[in-house]
Amino acid sequence: MKYREFVKWCNERACDGCWGMLEAMICIWVLEEVRKAPFWRREKVWREQYENDVVNQIVEPTNQKIKELCGMRNGGKR
């Protein structure tokens, strides 16, 4: 996941409310930390310091939970 994709994902979760408070706080902190770097280095900082942990521990589990909940709302159909 690229840094811009992460920013977009966070904005979508902020709009739809499909994340918990802890996930939101961690993502906001990560965004703030990456934004401290000059814009031309942000992608590198994201990839080297945050991408693996954030994607594996927050983004993927949240996306999975969203899929499960959407399946339940549609009567189990996907």
Protein backbone atom coordinates (compact mmCIF):
# COMPACT_ATOMS: atom_id res chain seq x y z
CA MET A 1 0.00 0.00 0.00
CA LYS A 2 1.42 3.36 -0.97
CA TYR A 3 1.33 6.29 1.42
CA ARG A 4 -1.32 8.11 -0.64
CA GLU A 5 -3.47 4.97 -0.61
CA PHE A 6 -3.15 4.87 3.17
CA VAL A 7 -4.21 8.52 3.43
CA LYS A 8 -7.22 7.78 1.22
CA TRP A 9 -8.08 4.69 3.29
CA CYS A 10 -7.94 6.74 6.50
CA ASN A 11 -10.20 9.42 5.01
CA GLU A 12 -12.71 6.76 3.95
CA ARG A 13 -12.72 5.22 7.45
CA ALA A 14 -13.15 8.66 9.01
CA CYS A 15 -16.20 9.21 6.80
CA ASP A 16 -17.83 5.82 7.21
CA GLY A 17 -16.87 5.26 10.85
CA CYS A 18 -15.73 1.69 10.18
CA TRP A 19 -12.80 1.69 12.56
CA GLY A 20 -12.35 1.78 16.29
CA MET A 21 -11.00 4.64 18.34
CA LEU A 22 -7.64 2.95 18.89
CA GLU A 23 -7.17 2.31 15.16
CA ALA A 24 -8.11 5.90 14.38
CA MET A 25 -5.68 7.26 16.96
CA ILE A 26 -2.81 5.12 15.68
CA CYS A 27 -3.49 6.04 12.06
CA ILE A 28 -3.66 9.74 12.90
CA TRP A 29 -0.36 9.46 14.76
CA VAL A 30 1.26 7.67 11.81
CA LEU A 31 -0.02 10.33 9.41
CA GLU A 32 1.40 13.06 11.63
CA GLU A 33 4.78 11.31 11.88
CA VAL A 34 5.07 10.76 8.12
CA ARG A 35 4.00 14.35 7.41
CA LYS A 36 6.96 15.60 9.47
CA ALA A 37 9.22 14.42 6.64
CA PRO A 38 9.66 16.56 3.52
CA PHE A 39 7.04 15.64 0.92
CA TRP A 40 9.61 13.98 -1.33
CA ARG A 41 10.63 11.58 1.47
CA ARG A 42 7.21 10.65 2.82
CA GLU A 43 6.77 7.53 0.72
CA LYS A 44 10.17 6.22 1.83
CA VAL A 45 9.47 6.97 5.51
CA TRP A 46 6.07 5.28 5.20
CA ARG A 47 7.49 2.16 3.55
CA GLU A 48 10.50 1.76 5.82
CA GLN A 49 9.00 2.59 9.19
CA TYR A 50 5.25 2.04 9.18
CA GLU A 51 3.78 0.21 6.19
CA ASN A 52 4.20 -3.43 7.24
CA ASP A 53 2.90 -3.03 10.79
CA VAL A 54 0.05 -0.68 9.95
CA VAL A 55 -1.19 -2.66 6.95
CA ASN A 56 -0.94 -6.03 8.71
CA GLN A 57 -2.32 -4.99 12.08
CA ILE A 58 -4.87 -2.30 11.19
CA VAL A 59 -5.76 -2.00 7.49
CA GLU A 60 -6.24 -5.68 6.61
CA PRO A 61 -8.16 -6.66 9.77
CA THR A 62 -10.41 -3.61 9.40
CA ASN A 63 -11.06 -4.35 5.72
CA GLN A 64 -11.86 -7.97 6.60
CA LYS A 65 -14.32 -6.89 9.29
CA ILE A 66 -15.99 -4.49 6.84
CA LYS A 67 -16.39 -7.35 4.32
CA GLU A 68 -17.90 -9.59 7.00
CA LEU A 69 -20.35 -6.93 8.11
CA CYS A 70 -21.37 -6.08 4.56
CA GLY A 71 -21.98 -9.78 3.93
CA MET A 72 -24.23 -9.95 7.01
CA ARG A 73 -26.22 -6.92 5.87
CA ASN A 74 -26.81 -8.50 2.47
CA GLY A 75 -28.17 -11.71 3.96
CA GLY A 76 -24.86 -13.50 3.66
CA LYS A 77 -24.55 -12.80 -0.07
CA ARG A 78 -21.35 -11.23 -1.33
